[in-house]
Amino acid sequence: MIPHNQPLITNEDRAAVDAVLRSGWLAQGSQVEALERSFVSRHRGGEACAVSSGTSALFLALKGLGIGAVDIFGNQASLTDSLIQNIATK
């Protein structure tokens, strides 16, 4: 196996993960709310919604822009199958 990258996990990262595990909230907890507030603040207003994957983020971005199944163009090989399927069926 050829290693392609080595993750850098700090003690601060481990402490943050431990804090979430101790909270009992693996999703929709205070850390998610803090991330959303930080994003809104950093981008000077608006709204934010944390999602569970890049595919979900792209889906919401395309929907927000009004892009649907009939608008897909270009190199579809660069889009994930699940994203194309989500756009086509919503």
Protein backbone atom coordinates (compact mmCIF):
# COMPACT_ATOMS: atom_id res chain seq x y z
CA MET A 1 0.00 0.00 0.00
CA ILE A 2 1.24 3.46 -0.86
CA PRO A 3 0.29 6.01 1.82
CA HIS A 4 -0.98 9.19 0.19
CA ASN A 5 -1.22 11.38 3.26
CA GLN A 6 -0.68 11.30 6.98
CA PRO A 7 -3.43 12.92 9.05
CA LEU A 8 -2.36 15.41 11.68
CA ILE A 9 -4.48 14.82 14.78
CA THR A 10 -3.56 17.07 17.68
CA ASN A 11 -4.30 16.70 21.38
CA GLU A 12 -6.73 19.61 20.92
CA ASP A 13 -8.54 17.60 18.22
CA ARG A 14 -8.74 14.57 20.52
CA ALA A 15 -10.08 16.72 23.38
CA ALA A 16 -12.77 18.19 21.10
CA VAL A 17 -13.87 14.71 19.99
CA ASP A 18 -13.90 13.49 23.59
CA ALA A 19 -16.06 16.48 24.60
CA VAL A 20 -18.62 15.65 21.92
CA LEU A 21 -18.68 11.98 22.92
CA ARG A 22 -19.17 12.92 26.58
CA SER A 23 -22.03 15.27 25.66
CA GLY A 24 -24.15 12.43 24.33
CA TRP A 25 -24.90 14.40 21.16
CA LEU A 26 -23.25 12.98 18.04
CA ALA A 27 -25.50 15.01 15.76
CA GLN A 28 -27.46 18.25 16.18
CA GLY A 29 -25.67 19.14 19.41
CA SER A 30 -24.08 22.31 20.70
CA GLN A 31 -20.96 21.88 18.53
CA VAL A 32 -23.11 21.84 15.38
CA GLU A 33 -24.90 25.00 16.52
CA ALA A 34 -21.54 26.64 17.29
CA LEU A 35 -20.25 25.72 13.81
CA GLU A 36 -23.34 27.22 12.15
CA ARG A 37 -23.09 30.44 14.22
CA SER A 38 -19.37 30.73 13.43
CA PHE A 39 -20.04 30.29 9.70
CA VAL A 40 -22.74 32.99 9.73
CA SER A 41 -20.47 35.34 11.67
CA ARG A 42 -17.48 34.73 9.42
CA HIS A 43 -19.56 35.43 6.31
CA ARG A 44 -21.25 38.48 7.87
CA GLY A 45 -24.82 37.32 8.13
CA GLY A 46 -27.26 35.04 6.42
CA GLU A 47 -28.03 31.54 7.55
CA ALA A 48 -26.13 28.28 7.82
CA CYS A 49 -27.12 24.63 7.96
CA ALA A 50 -24.52 21.98 8.69
CA VAL A 51 -24.98 18.80 6.64
CA SER A 52 -23.51 15.33 6.87
CA SER A 53 -21.68 15.09 3.55
CA GLY A 54 -20.28 16.97 0.59
CA THR A 55 -22.99 15.45 -1.58
CA SER A 56 -25.68 16.91 0.68
CA ALA A 57 -23.94 20.30 0.60
CA LEU A 58 -23.77 20.29 -3.21
CA PHE A 59 -27.39 19.20 -3.46
CA LEU A 60 -28.55 22.09 -1.24
CA ALA A 61 -26.34 24.57 -3.09
CA LEU A 62 -27.76 23.53 -6.46
CA LYS A 63 -31.32 23.64 -5.14
CA GLY A 64 -30.68 27.06 -3.66
CA LEU A 65 -29.52 28.27 -7.05
CA GLY A 66 -32.61 26.80 -8.70
CA ILE A 67 -30.62 24.21 -10.64
CA GLY A 68 -32.50 20.99 -11.34
CA ALA A 69 -32.36 17.87 -13.47
CA VAL A 70 -32.94 19.68 -16.77
CA ASP A 71 -30.10 22.10 -16.00
CA ILE A 72 -27.33 19.51 -15.60
CA PHE A 73 -24.73 20.03 -18.28
CA GLY A 74 -21.02 19.65 -18.83
CA ASN A 75 -18.96 16.70 -17.71
CA GLN A 76 -21.33 14.56 -15.69
CA ALA A 77 -18.50 12.16 -14.92
CA SER A 78 -17.25 14.75 -12.46
CA LEU A 79 -20.53 14.64 -10.50
CA THR A 80 -21.28 11.86 -8.09
CA ASP A 81 -23.99 9.37 -9.01
CA SER A 82 -25.84 10.09 -5.78
CA LEU A 83 -25.90 13.84 -6.47
CA ILE A 84 -27.24 13.33 -10.00
CA GLN A 85 -29.85 10.88 -8.68
CA ASN A 86 -30.90 13.32 -5.94
CA ILE A 87 -31.29 16.20 -8.37
CA ALA A 88 -33.18 14.08 -10.88
CA THR A 89 -35.69 12.77 -8.33
CA LYS A 90 -36.42 15.93 -6.31
